[in-house]
Amino acid sequence: MEIASRRKAGCWQHVYMSALPALTALETGRLILRRQSPNEAEIFRQLWTERDPRVPPHRRIDADGRPTVEDIVTGIRIEHERSQPGLLAVERKSVGDVIGYCGLVFHDNGAPGEPELAYELLRRAHGFGYATEAGLSVVAWSTAAGYARLWATVRAWNFASRRVLEKLGFRETGQIEPDTAHGDSLLTVRELSSAVR
């Protein structure tokens, strides 16, 4: 068992973490989910440029043009060094193009140490069911890996993403982070039926 330290609410906490299984590749009928490659950084930066203007500023390109492609390359390389599951590139099998990402992050918005589902696709890939398909594969992997729950946050105005989460079996918890400038953030959860405790 590994001990990790993190700072939260002004103090350091020690978190006991068991070895987490690797999330490196998944396959669905139409998609391949795999580790992101640094040479795809321009695609992931395009996601930043396409974001809705209601998204908070820290998730959009800033006045200095950051994150740059080089910043994103650095982020991908750092993610490759982490031992926990992360975000995977979503590639369409039919044409071999990367259309976004889907995977797990650990931001402790739900329960400490439990993962959150995260996904984002380029606008040209919206409306084809790819987010649901990719999300289902990550939910299935998370169940097999023994997680008890998955969490996800979504802005109240993002009805398309809320529909995807509903299709994936997430339910809104009633926990809302009010944000008059960018829209309230809703916390959702999905219990995983065959989780090992």
N, C-alpha and C. Protein backbone atom coordinates (compact mmCIF):
# COMPACT_ATOMS: atom_id res chain seq x y z
N MET A 1 0.85 -1.17 0.00
CA MET A 1 0.00 0.00 0.00
C MET A 1 0.89 1.24 0.00
N GLU A 2 0.53 2.21 -0.82
CA GLU A 2 1.30 3.43 -0.98
C GLU A 2 0.66 4.53 -0.13
N ILE A 3 1.49 5.40 0.42
CA ILE A 3 0.98 6.55 1.15
C ILE A 3 1.25 7.79 0.32
N ALA A 4 0.21 8.54 0.00
CA ALA A 4 0.36 9.77 -0.76
C ALA A 4 -0.05 10.93 0.13
N SER A 5 0.62 12.06 -0.04
CA SER A 5 0.26 13.26 0.71
C SER A 5 -0.35 14.26 -0.25
N ARG A 6 -1.36 14.97 0.22
CA ARG A 6 -1.95 16.03 -0.59
C ARG A 6 -2.42 17.14 0.33
N ARG A 7 -2.47 18.31 -0.20
CA ARG A 7 -2.90 19.46 0.57
C ARG A 7 -4.37 19.72 0.28
N LYS A 8 -5.14 19.84 1.33
CA LYS A 8 -6.56 20.12 1.18
C LYS A 8 -6.98 20.99 2.36
N ALA A 9 -7.71 22.05 2.07
CA ALA A 9 -8.24 22.95 3.11
C ALA A 9 -7.14 23.44 4.05
N GLY A 10 -5.99 23.79 3.46
CA GLY A 10 -4.93 24.40 4.24
C GLY A 10 -4.08 23.44 5.06
N CYS A 11 -4.31 22.14 4.98
CA CYS A 11 -3.49 21.22 5.75
C CYS A 11 -3.15 20.01 4.88
N TRP A 12 -2.09 19.32 5.27
CA TRP A 12 -1.69 18.13 4.51
C TRP A 12 -2.41 16.91 5.03
N GLN A 13 -2.88 16.09 4.12
CA GLN A 13 -3.52 14.83 4.49
C GLN A 13 -2.67 13.70 3.92
N HIS A 14 -2.62 12.60 4.63
CA HIS A 14 -1.98 11.41 4.11
C HIS A 14 -3.07 10.45 3.69
N VAL A 15 -3.01 10.03 2.46
CA VAL A 15 -4.03 9.16 1.90
C VAL A 15 -3.38 7.81 1.62
N TYR A 16 -4.00 6.77 2.10
CA TYR A 16 -3.49 5.43 1.87
C TYR A 16 -4.11 4.91 0.58
N MET A 17 -3.25 4.60 -0.38
CA MET A 17 -3.72 4.19 -1.69
C MET A 17 -3.20 2.79 -1.99
N SER A 18 -4.09 1.90 -2.35
CA SER A 18 -3.63 0.60 -2.83
C SER A 18 -3.24 0.77 -4.29
N ALA A 19 -2.49 -0.16 -4.80
CA ALA A 19 -2.08 -0.08 -6.19
C ALA A 19 -3.32 -0.08 -7.08
N LEU A 20 -3.39 0.88 -7.98
CA LEU A 20 -4.53 1.00 -8.86
C LEU A 20 -4.24 0.29 -10.17
N PRO A 21 -5.23 -0.38 -10.74
CA PRO A 21 -5.00 -1.04 -12.02
C PRO A 21 -4.78 0.00 -13.12
N ALA A 22 -4.04 -0.38 -14.14
CA ALA A 22 -3.76 0.52 -15.24
C ALA A 22 -4.98 0.63 -16.16
N LEU A 23 -5.26 1.83 -16.57
CA LEU A 23 -6.29 2.08 -17.57
C LEU A 23 -5.55 2.60 -18.79
N THR A 24 -5.19 1.71 -19.69
CA THR A 24 -4.36 2.12 -20.83
C THR A 24 -5.04 1.98 -22.17
N ALA A 25 -6.00 1.07 -22.30
CA ALA A 25 -6.68 0.89 -23.58
C ALA A 25 -8.01 0.17 -23.39
N LEU A 26 -9.02 0.63 -24.13
CA LEU A 26 -10.34 0.01 -24.15
C LEU A 26 -10.82 0.05 -25.60
N GLU A 27 -11.72 -0.85 -25.93
CA GLU A 27 -12.24 -0.88 -27.29
C GLU A 27 -13.74 -1.10 -27.26
N THR A 28 -14.45 -0.37 -28.11
CA THR A 28 -15.90 -0.53 -28.26
C THR A 28 -16.18 -0.88 -29.73
N GLY A 29 -17.42 -0.94 -30.09
CA GLY A 29 -17.77 -1.23 -31.47
C GLY A 29 -17.19 -0.24 -32.46
N ARG A 30 -17.21 1.06 -32.09
CA ARG A 30 -16.76 2.09 -33.02
C ARG A 30 -15.51 2.83 -32.59
N LEU A 31 -15.08 2.61 -31.35
CA LEU A 31 -14.02 3.45 -30.78
C LEU A 31 -12.88 2.65 -30.20
N ILE A 32 -11.71 3.27 -30.19
CA ILE A 32 -10.56 2.80 -29.43
C ILE A 32 -10.23 3.90 -28.43
N LEU A 33 -10.17 3.54 -27.17
CA LEU A 33 -9.73 4.48 -26.13
C LEU A 33 -8.34 4.03 -25.72
N ARG A 34 -7.38 4.93 -25.79
CA ARG A 34 -5.98 4.57 -25.51
C ARG A 34 -5.26 5.77 -24.92
N ARG A 35 -4.06 5.51 -24.43
CA ARG A 35 -3.28 6.60 -23.85
C ARG A 35 -3.11 7.73 -24.87
N GLN A 36 -3.15 8.94 -24.36
CA GLN A 36 -2.94 10.10 -25.22
C GLN A 36 -1.48 10.15 -25.66
N SER A 37 -1.26 10.66 -26.85
CA SER A 37 0.09 10.79 -27.38
C SER A 37 0.46 12.27 -27.47
N PRO A 38 1.71 12.63 -27.15
CA PRO A 38 2.11 14.03 -27.26
C PRO A 38 1.89 14.61 -28.66
N ASN A 39 1.96 13.78 -29.70
CA ASN A 39 1.77 14.32 -31.05
C ASN A 39 0.31 14.65 -31.35
N GLU A 40 -0.59 14.39 -30.40
CA GLU A 40 -2.01 14.75 -30.53
C GLU A 40 -2.37 16.01 -29.76
N ALA A 41 -1.37 16.71 -29.23
CA ALA A 41 -1.61 17.87 -28.39
C ALA A 41 -2.42 18.95 -29.10
N GLU A 42 -2.23 19.13 -30.39
CA GLU A 42 -3.01 20.14 -31.12
C GLU A 42 -4.50 19.82 -31.09
N ILE A 43 -4.84 18.55 -31.17
CA ILE A 43 -6.25 18.14 -31.11
C ILE A 43 -6.82 18.48 -29.73
N PHE A 44 -6.06 18.17 -28.67
CA PHE A 44 -6.56 18.45 -27.32
C PHE A 44 -6.62 19.95 -27.05
N ARG A 45 -5.73 20.72 -27.68
CA ARG A 45 -5.82 22.18 -27.53
C ARG A 45 -7.07 22.70 -28.25
N GLN A 46 -7.43 22.08 -29.36
CA GLN A 46 -8.63 22.49 -30.08
C GLN A 46 -9.86 22.37 -29.18
N LEU A 47 -9.89 21.37 -28.31
CA LEU A 47 -10.99 21.26 -27.35
C LEU A 47 -11.10 22.52 -26.51
N TRP A 48 -9.94 23.07 -26.09
CA TRP A 48 -9.93 24.30 -25.29
C TRP A 48 -10.54 25.46 -26.08
N THR A 49 -10.25 25.52 -27.38
CA THR A 49 -10.74 26.65 -28.19
C THR A 49 -12.23 26.53 -28.48
N GLU A 50 -12.78 25.32 -28.44
CA GLU A 50 -14.18 25.10 -28.76
C GLU A 50 -15.12 25.20 -27.56
N ARG A 51 -14.58 25.36 -26.38
CA ARG A 51 -15.43 25.34 -25.18
C ARG A 51 -16.41 26.51 -25.15
N ASP A 52 -17.56 26.21 -24.60
CA ASP A 52 -18.62 27.19 -24.43
C ASP A 52 -18.09 28.38 -23.62
N PRO A 53 -18.46 29.60 -23.99
CA PRO A 53 -17.97 30.77 -23.24
C PRO A 53 -18.42 30.80 -21.78
N ARG A 54 -19.42 29.98 -21.43
CA ARG A 54 -19.86 29.93 -20.03
C ARG A 54 -18.93 29.08 -19.17
N VAL A 55 -18.03 28.32 -19.78
CA VAL A 55 -17.08 27.50 -19.03
C VAL A 55 -16.16 28.44 -18.25
N PRO A 56 -15.82 28.12 -17.00
CA PRO A 56 -14.95 29.01 -16.21
C PRO A 56 -13.61 29.28 -16.91
N PRO A 57 -13.05 30.45 -16.69
CA PRO A 57 -11.83 30.87 -17.38
C PRO A 57 -10.65 29.90 -17.24
N HIS A 58 -10.51 29.21 -16.11
CA HIS A 58 -9.38 28.29 -15.95
C HIS A 58 -9.48 27.08 -16.86
N ARG A 59 -10.61 26.91 -17.55
CA ARG A 59 -10.80 25.80 -18.50
C ARG A 59 -10.87 26.30 -19.94
N ARG A 60 -10.46 27.57 -20.17
CA ARG A 60 -10.45 28.15 -21.51
C ARG A 60 -9.06 28.72 -21.79
N ILE A 61 -8.77 28.98 -23.06
CA ILE A 61 -7.50 29.61 -23.45
C ILE A 61 -7.46 31.00 -22.82
N ASP A 62 -6.36 31.34 -22.14
CA ASP A 62 -6.27 32.65 -21.48
C ASP A 62 -5.73 33.71 -22.44
N ALA A 63 -5.62 34.93 -21.94
CA ALA A 63 -5.19 36.07 -22.76
C ALA A 63 -3.78 35.89 -23.31
N ASP A 64 -2.97 35.09 -22.66
CA ASP A 64 -1.60 34.82 -23.12
C ASP A 64 -1.53 33.61 -24.05
N GLY A 65 -2.71 33.05 -24.40
CA GLY A 65 -2.74 31.90 -25.30
C GLY A 65 -2.41 30.57 -24.64
N ARG A 66 -2.57 30.52 -23.31
CA ARG A 66 -2.26 29.29 -22.58
C ARG A 66 -3.54 28.55 -22.25
N PRO A 67 -3.50 27.26 -22.25
CA PRO A 67 -2.31 26.45 -22.48
C PRO A 67 -1.93 26.41 -23.97
N THR A 68 -0.65 26.39 -24.21
CA THR A 68 -0.13 26.24 -25.56
C THR A 68 -0.08 24.75 -25.90
N VAL A 69 0.22 24.45 -27.15
CA VAL A 69 0.41 23.05 -27.54
C VAL A 69 1.52 22.44 -26.70
N GLU A 70 2.59 23.21 -26.45
CA GLU A 70 3.71 22.71 -25.64
C GLU A 70 3.27 22.42 -24.21
N ASP A 71 2.40 23.28 -23.64
CA ASP A 71 1.86 23.03 -22.30
C ASP A 71 1.10 21.70 -22.26
N ILE A 72 0.33 21.46 -23.29
CA ILE A 72 -0.47 20.23 -23.34
C ILE A 72 0.44 19.02 -23.51
N VAL A 73 1.48 19.14 -24.33
CA VAL A 73 2.46 18.05 -24.46
C VAL A 73 3.04 17.70 -23.10
N THR A 74 3.42 18.72 -22.35
CA THR A 74 3.97 18.51 -21.01
C THR A 74 2.95 17.80 -20.12
N GLY A 75 1.70 18.22 -20.18
CA GLY A 75 0.65 17.58 -19.38
C GLY A 75 0.47 16.11 -19.73
N ILE A 76 0.53 15.80 -21.01
CA ILE A 76 0.39 14.39 -21.44
C ILE A 76 1.56 13.58 -20.90
N ARG A 77 2.76 14.12 -20.99
CA ARG A 77 3.93 13.40 -20.48
C ARG A 77 3.85 13.17 -18.98
N ILE A 78 3.38 14.16 -18.24
CA ILE A 78 3.21 14.01 -16.79
C ILE A 78 2.18 12.93 -16.49
N GLU A 79 1.08 12.92 -17.24
CA GLU A 79 0.04 11.90 -17.03
C GLU A 79 0.60 10.50 -17.25
N HIS A 80 1.50 10.35 -18.22
CA HIS A 80 2.10 9.03 -18.49
C HIS A 80 2.92 8.53 -17.30
N GLU A 81 3.41 9.44 -16.47
CA GLU A 81 4.24 9.05 -15.32
C GLU A 81 3.40 8.68 -14.11
N ARG A 82 2.12 9.02 -14.10
CA ARG A 82 1.27 8.74 -12.95
C ARG A 82 0.89 7.27 -12.91
N SER A 83 0.70 6.79 -11.69
CA SER A 83 0.35 5.37 -11.53
C SER A 83 -1.16 5.14 -11.49
N GLN A 84 -1.95 6.18 -11.44
CA GLN A 84 -3.40 6.00 -11.35
C GLN A 84 -4.04 6.09 -12.74
N PRO A 85 -5.25 5.54 -12.87
CA PRO A 85 -5.95 5.66 -14.16
C PRO A 85 -6.09 7.13 -14.54
N GLY A 86 -6.18 7.38 -15.82
CA GLY A 86 -6.28 8.77 -16.28
C GLY A 86 -7.21 8.91 -17.46
N LEU A 87 -6.93 9.93 -18.27
CA LEU A 87 -7.75 10.23 -19.43
C LEU A 87 -7.18 9.55 -20.66
N LEU A 88 -8.05 8.96 -21.45
CA LEU A 88 -7.65 8.27 -22.67
C LEU A 88 -8.11 9.06 -23.90
N ALA A 89 -7.31 9.01 -24.95
CA ALA A 89 -7.73 9.56 -26.24
C ALA A 89 -8.86 8.71 -26.78
N VAL A 90 -9.84 9.34 -27.39
CA VAL A 90 -10.95 8.63 -28.03
C VAL A 90 -10.73 8.71 -29.54
N GLU A 91 -10.53 7.55 -30.15
CA GLU A 91 -10.24 7.47 -31.58
C GLU A 91 -11.34 6.70 -32.28
N ARG A 92 -11.80 7.23 -33.41
CA ARG A 92 -12.79 6.50 -34.21
C ARG A 92 -12.09 5.44 -35.04
N LYS A 93 -12.58 4.22 -34.95
CA LYS A 93 -11.97 3.12 -35.71
C LYS A 93 -12.11 3.34 -37.21
N SER A 94 -13.25 3.84 -37.64
CA SER A 94 -13.54 3.93 -39.08
C SER A 94 -12.58 4.84 -39.84
N VAL A 95 -12.12 5.91 -39.18
CA VAL A 95 -11.22 6.85 -39.86
C VAL A 95 -9.90 7.06 -39.15
N GLY A 96 -9.76 6.54 -37.96
CA GLY A 96 -8.49 6.64 -37.23
C GLY A 96 -8.18 8.02 -36.71
N ASP A 97 -9.21 8.86 -36.51
CA ASP A 97 -8.96 10.21 -36.00
C ASP A 97 -9.33 10.31 -34.53
N VAL A 98 -8.58 11.11 -33.79
CA VAL A 98 -8.85 11.35 -32.37
C VAL A 98 -9.89 12.46 -32.28
N ILE A 99 -10.95 12.21 -31.51
CA ILE A 99 -12.06 13.16 -31.42
C ILE A 99 -12.25 13.72 -30.02
N GLY A 100 -11.38 13.34 -29.07
CA GLY A 100 -11.52 13.86 -27.71
C GLY A 100 -10.89 12.92 -26.70
N TYR A 101 -11.39 13.00 -25.47
CA TYR A 101 -10.86 12.14 -24.40
C TYR A 101 -12.01 11.64 -23.53
N CYS A 102 -11.72 10.56 -22.82
CA CYS A 102 -12.65 10.01 -21.84
C CYS A 102 -11.83 9.19 -20.87
N GLY A 103 -12.15 9.27 -19.59
CA GLY A 103 -11.41 8.48 -18.62
C GLY A 103 -11.73 8.92 -17.20
N LEU A 104 -10.77 8.70 -16.33
CA LEU A 104 -10.96 8.97 -14.91
C LEU A 104 -9.99 10.02 -14.41
N VAL A 105 -10.49 10.88 -13.52
CA VAL A 105 -9.67 11.86 -12.82
C VAL A 105 -9.96 11.72 -11.32
N PHE A 106 -9.06 12.22 -10.52
CA PHE A 106 -9.20 12.14 -9.06
C PHE A 106 -9.13 13.55 -8.49
N HIS A 107 -10.27 14.23 -8.45
CA HIS A 107 -10.33 15.59 -7.94
C HIS A 107 -11.02 15.68 -6.58
N ASP A 108 -11.47 14.56 -6.06
CA ASP A 108 -12.14 14.50 -4.75
C ASP A 108 -13.39 15.37 -4.68
N ASN A 109 -14.09 15.53 -5.79
CA ASN A 109 -15.37 16.24 -5.74
C ASN A 109 -16.46 15.36 -5.12
N GLY A 110 -16.30 14.03 -5.23
CA GLY A 110 -17.24 13.10 -4.60
C GLY A 110 -16.65 12.67 -3.27
N ALA A 111 -16.37 11.39 -3.15
CA ALA A 111 -15.74 10.87 -1.94
C ALA A 111 -14.22 10.83 -2.14
N PRO A 112 -13.45 11.10 -1.09
CA PRO A 112 -11.99 11.08 -1.21
C PRO A 112 -11.49 9.75 -1.77
N GLY A 113 -10.60 9.85 -2.76
CA GLY A 113 -9.99 8.67 -3.34
C GLY A 113 -10.82 7.96 -4.38
N GLU A 114 -12.07 8.40 -4.59
CA GLU A 114 -12.91 7.77 -5.61
C GLU A 114 -12.84 8.56 -6.90
N PRO A 115 -12.81 7.86 -8.04
CA PRO A 115 -12.60 8.54 -9.32
C PRO A 115 -13.84 9.24 -9.84
N GLU A 116 -13.57 10.18 -10.74
CA GLU A 116 -14.61 10.90 -11.45
C GLU A 116 -14.49 10.62 -12.94
N LEU A 117 -15.60 10.42 -13.57
CA LEU A 117 -15.62 10.26 -15.02
C LEU A 117 -15.49 11.63 -15.65
N ALA A 118 -14.63 11.73 -16.66
CA ALA A 118 -14.47 12.97 -17.41
C ALA A 118 -14.43 12.63 -18.90
N TYR A 119 -15.08 13.45 -19.69
CA TYR A 119 -15.06 13.25 -21.14
C TYR A 119 -15.29 14.58 -21.82
N GLU A 120 -14.76 14.70 -23.03
CA GLU A 120 -14.97 15.89 -23.85
C GLU A 120 -14.64 15.51 -25.29
N LEU A 121 -15.51 15.91 -26.20
CA LEU A 121 -15.32 15.59 -27.61
C LEU A 121 -15.33 16.87 -28.44
N LEU A 122 -14.62 16.83 -29.55
CA LEU A 122 -14.66 17.93 -30.50
C LEU A 122 -16.10 18.11 -30.99
N ARG A 123 -16.45 19.34 -31.32
CA ARG A 123 -17.83 19.62 -31.74
C ARG A 123 -18.26 18.79 -32.94
N ARG A 124 -17.34 18.53 -33.86
CA ARG A 124 -17.71 17.75 -35.05
C ARG A 124 -18.10 16.31 -34.71
N ALA A 125 -17.78 15.87 -33.49
CA ALA A 125 -18.10 14.50 -33.06
C ALA A 125 -19.34 14.45 -32.16
N HIS A 126 -19.98 15.60 -31.93
CA HIS A 126 -21.18 15.62 -31.09
C HIS A 126 -22.37 15.03 -31.83
N GLY A 127 -23.27 14.42 -31.08
CA GLY A 127 -24.53 13.96 -31.64
C GLY A 127 -24.51 12.58 -32.28
N PHE A 128 -23.42 11.85 -32.13
CA PHE A 128 -23.32 10.51 -32.72
C PHE A 128 -23.29 9.40 -31.67
N GLY A 129 -23.42 9.75 -30.40
CA GLY A 129 -23.40 8.75 -29.34
C GLY A 129 -22.01 8.32 -28.90
N TYR A 130 -20.97 9.01 -29.38
CA TYR A 130 -19.61 8.62 -29.02
C TYR A 130 -19.31 8.81 -27.53
N ALA A 131 -19.79 9.90 -26.94
CA ALA A 131 -19.53 10.14 -25.51
C ALA A 131 -20.16 9.03 -24.67
N THR A 132 -21.39 8.64 -25.01
CA THR A 132 -22.05 7.56 -24.28
C THR A 132 -21.29 6.25 -24.45
N GLU A 133 -20.88 5.96 -25.67
CA GLU A 133 -20.17 4.71 -25.96
C GLU A 133 -18.83 4.65 -25.22
N ALA A 134 -18.09 5.74 -25.27
CA ALA A 134 -16.80 5.79 -24.55
C ALA A 134 -17.03 5.71 -23.05
N GLY A 135 -18.02 6.45 -22.56
CA GLY A 135 -18.32 6.45 -21.13
C GLY A 135 -18.72 5.08 -20.62
N LEU A 136 -19.52 4.35 -21.40
CA LEU A 136 -19.93 3.00 -21.00
C LEU A 136 -18.72 2.09 -20.83
N SER A 137 -17.74 2.23 -21.72
CA SER A 137 -16.56 1.36 -21.61
C SER A 137 -15.75 1.70 -20.37
N VAL A 138 -15.67 2.99 -20.01
CA VAL A 138 -14.94 3.38 -18.79
C VAL A 138 -15.71 2.93 -17.55
N VAL A 139 -17.03 3.03 -17.57
CA VAL A 139 -17.84 2.55 -16.45
C VAL A 139 -17.64 1.04 -16.27
N ALA A 140 -17.66 0.29 -17.36
CA ALA A 140 -17.46 -1.16 -17.27
C ALA A 140 -16.07 -1.49 -16.73
N TRP A 141 -15.05 -0.78 -17.21
CA TRP A 141 -13.69 -1.00 -16.71
C TRP A 141 -13.62 -0.68 -15.21
N SER A 142 -14.24 0.41 -14.79
CA SER A 142 -14.21 0.83 -13.38
C SER A 142 -14.88 -0.21 -12.49
N THR A 143 -15.98 -0.80 -12.99
CA THR A 143 -16.66 -1.86 -12.24
C THR A 143 -15.74 -3.06 -12.08
N ALA A 144 -15.12 -3.48 -13.19
CA ALA A 144 -14.21 -4.63 -13.15
C ALA A 144 -12.99 -4.35 -12.27
N ALA A 145 -12.58 -3.09 -12.20
CA ALA A 145 -11.41 -2.73 -11.39
C ALA A 145 -11.73 -2.69 -9.90
N GLY A 146 -13.03 -2.75 -9.55
CA GLY A 146 -13.41 -2.83 -8.15
C GLY A 146 -13.78 -1.53 -7.48
N TYR A 147 -14.00 -0.48 -8.25
CA TYR A 147 -14.43 0.78 -7.64
C TYR A 147 -15.87 0.67 -7.17
N ALA A 148 -16.18 1.30 -6.05
CA ALA A 148 -17.54 1.27 -5.51
C ALA A 148 -18.46 2.25 -6.22
N ARG A 149 -17.90 3.39 -6.61
CA ARG A 149 -18.71 4.45 -7.24
C ARG A 149 -17.86 5.23 -8.22
N LEU A 150 -18.55 5.86 -9.13
CA LEU A 150 -17.95 6.88 -10.00
C LEU A 150 -18.73 8.16 -9.78
N TRP A 151 -18.02 9.26 -9.84
CA TRP A 151 -18.62 10.58 -9.69
C TRP A 151 -18.43 11.35 -10.99
N ALA A 152 -19.19 12.40 -11.17
CA ALA A 152 -18.99 13.31 -12.30
C ALA A 152 -19.63 14.65 -11.93
N THR A 153 -18.99 15.71 -12.36
CA THR A 153 -19.58 17.03 -12.19
C THR A 153 -19.98 17.54 -13.57
N VAL A 154 -21.02 18.34 -13.60
CA VAL A 154 -21.53 18.87 -14.86
C VAL A 154 -22.21 20.21 -14.57
N ARG A 155 -22.05 21.16 -15.48
CA ARG A 155 -22.73 22.45 -15.34
C ARG A 155 -24.22 22.28 -15.61
N ALA A 156 -25.03 22.99 -14.85
CA ALA A 156 -26.49 22.86 -14.97
C ALA A 156 -26.96 23.17 -16.39
N TRP A 157 -26.31 24.08 -17.09
CA TRP A 157 -26.72 24.46 -18.44
C TRP A 157 -26.30 23.44 -19.51
N ASN A 158 -25.44 22.49 -19.16
CA ASN A 158 -24.91 21.55 -20.15
C ASN A 158 -25.84 20.34 -20.28
N PHE A 159 -26.98 20.56 -20.93
CA PHE A 159 -28.01 19.52 -21.03
C PHE A 159 -27.53 18.29 -21.80
N ALA A 160 -26.71 18.49 -22.83
CA ALA A 160 -26.22 17.33 -23.60
C ALA A 160 -25.39 16.42 -22.72
N SER A 161 -24.50 16.99 -21.92
CA SER A 161 -23.66 16.19 -21.03
C SER A 161 -24.49 15.56 -19.91
N ARG A 162 -25.48 16.27 -19.43
CA ARG A 162 -26.37 15.70 -18.42
C ARG A 162 -27.12 14.49 -18.96
N ARG A 163 -27.52 14.55 -20.25
CA ARG A 163 -28.20 13.40 -20.87
C ARG A 163 -27.25 12.22 -20.99
N VAL A 164 -25.99 12.49 -21.37
CA VAL A 164 -25.01 11.40 -21.46
C VAL A 164 -24.86 10.74 -20.09
N LEU A 165 -24.68 11.53 -19.05
CA LEU A 165 -24.51 10.97 -17.70
C LEU A 165 -25.74 10.15 -17.29
N GLU A 166 -26.92 10.63 -17.64
CA GLU A 166 -28.14 9.87 -17.33
C GLU A 166 -28.13 8.52 -18.05
N LYS A 167 -27.74 8.51 -19.32
CA LYS A 167 -27.66 7.25 -20.08
C LYS A 167 -26.63 6.30 -19.48
N LEU A 168 -25.61 6.85 -18.85
CA LEU A 168 -24.56 6.04 -18.23
C LEU A 168 -24.95 5.56 -16.83
N GLY A 169 -26.13 5.96 -16.36
CA GLY A 169 -26.60 5.50 -15.06
C GLY A 169 -26.24 6.40 -13.89
N PHE A 170 -25.77 7.61 -14.17
CA PHE A 170 -25.47 8.56 -13.10
C PHE A 170 -26.76 9.23 -12.65
N ARG A 171 -26.80 9.58 -11.37
CA ARG A 171 -27.93 10.34 -10.85
C ARG A 171 -27.40 11.57 -10.14
N GLU A 172 -28.17 12.63 -10.18
CA GLU A 172 -27.76 13.86 -9.49
C GLU A 172 -27.93 13.66 -8.00
N THR A 173 -26.92 14.09 -7.24
CA THR A 173 -26.91 13.87 -5.79
C THR A 173 -27.66 14.96 -5.03
N GLY A 174 -27.95 16.07 -5.67
CA GLY A 174 -28.54 17.21 -4.98
C GLY A 174 -27.48 18.18 -4.48
N GLN A 175 -26.22 17.77 -4.54
CA GLN A 175 -25.13 18.67 -4.13
C GLN A 175 -24.82 19.61 -5.29
N ILE A 176 -24.96 20.90 -5.04
CA ILE A 176 -24.78 21.91 -6.08
C ILE A 176 -23.75 22.92 -5.59
N GLU A 177 -22.79 23.22 -6.47
CA GLU A 177 -21.84 24.29 -6.20
C GLU A 177 -22.33 25.52 -6.96
N PRO A 178 -22.94 26.49 -6.24
CA PRO A 178 -23.52 27.65 -6.94
C PRO A 178 -22.43 28.48 -7.63
N ASP A 179 -22.75 28.94 -8.83
CA ASP A 179 -21.83 29.78 -9.58
C ASP A 179 -22.67 30.63 -10.52
N THR A 180 -22.94 31.86 -10.12
CA THR A 180 -23.80 32.73 -10.93
C THR A 180 -23.12 33.16 -12.22
N ALA A 181 -21.79 33.20 -12.23
CA ALA A 181 -21.06 33.64 -13.43
C ALA A 181 -21.00 32.57 -14.51
N HIS A 182 -20.83 31.31 -14.11
CA HIS A 182 -20.58 30.25 -15.10
C HIS A 182 -21.60 29.12 -15.07
N GLY A 183 -22.58 29.23 -14.22
CA GLY A 183 -23.60 28.18 -14.10
C GLY A 183 -23.26 27.23 -12.97
N ASP A 184 -24.28 26.83 -12.24
CA ASP A 184 -24.08 25.94 -11.11
C ASP A 184 -23.44 24.63 -11.57
N SER A 185 -22.60 24.06 -10.70
CA SER A 185 -21.97 22.78 -10.96
C SER A 185 -22.71 21.72 -10.14
N LEU A 186 -23.19 20.68 -10.84
CA LEU A 186 -23.97 19.62 -10.21
C LEU A 186 -23.08 18.40 -10.02
N LEU A 187 -23.18 17.76 -8.86
CA LEU A 187 -22.44 16.54 -8.59
C LEU A 187 -23.35 15.35 -8.87
N THR A 188 -22.85 14.40 -9.66
CA THR A 188 -23.61 13.18 -9.96
C THR A 188 -22.80 11.98 -9.51
N VAL A 189 -23.48 10.85 -9.35
CA VAL A 189 -22.81 9.62 -8.88
C VAL A 189 -23.42 8.41 -9.58
N ARG A 190 -22.61 7.40 -9.74
CA ARG A 190 -23.10 6.11 -10.22
C ARG A 190 -22.53 5.02 -9.33
N GLU A 191 -23.42 4.26 -8.70
CA GLU A 191 -23.00 3.11 -7.91
C GLU A 191 -22.61 2.01 -8.88
N LEU A 192 -21.51 1.33 -8.58
CA LEU A 192 -21.05 0.25 -9.44
C LEU A 192 -21.41 -1.08 -8.79
N SER A 193 -22.23 -1.85 -9.44
CA SER A 193 -22.88 -3.01 -8.84
C SER A 193 -21.94 -4.10 -8.37
N SER A 194 -20.86 -4.38 -9.10
CA SER A 194 -20.02 -5.49 -8.69
C SER A 194 -18.73 -5.01 -8.04
N ALA A 195 -18.79 -3.84 -7.41
CA ALA A 195 -17.59 -3.32 -6.77
C ALA A 195 -17.15 -4.23 -5.63
N VAL A 196 -15.85 -4.37 -5.50
CA VAL A 196 -15.26 -5.19 -4.45
C VAL A 196 -14.90 -4.28 -3.29
N ARG A 197 -15.24 -4.66 -2.08
CA ARG A 197 -14.91 -3.85 -0.89
C ARG A 197 -13.96 -4.61 -0.04
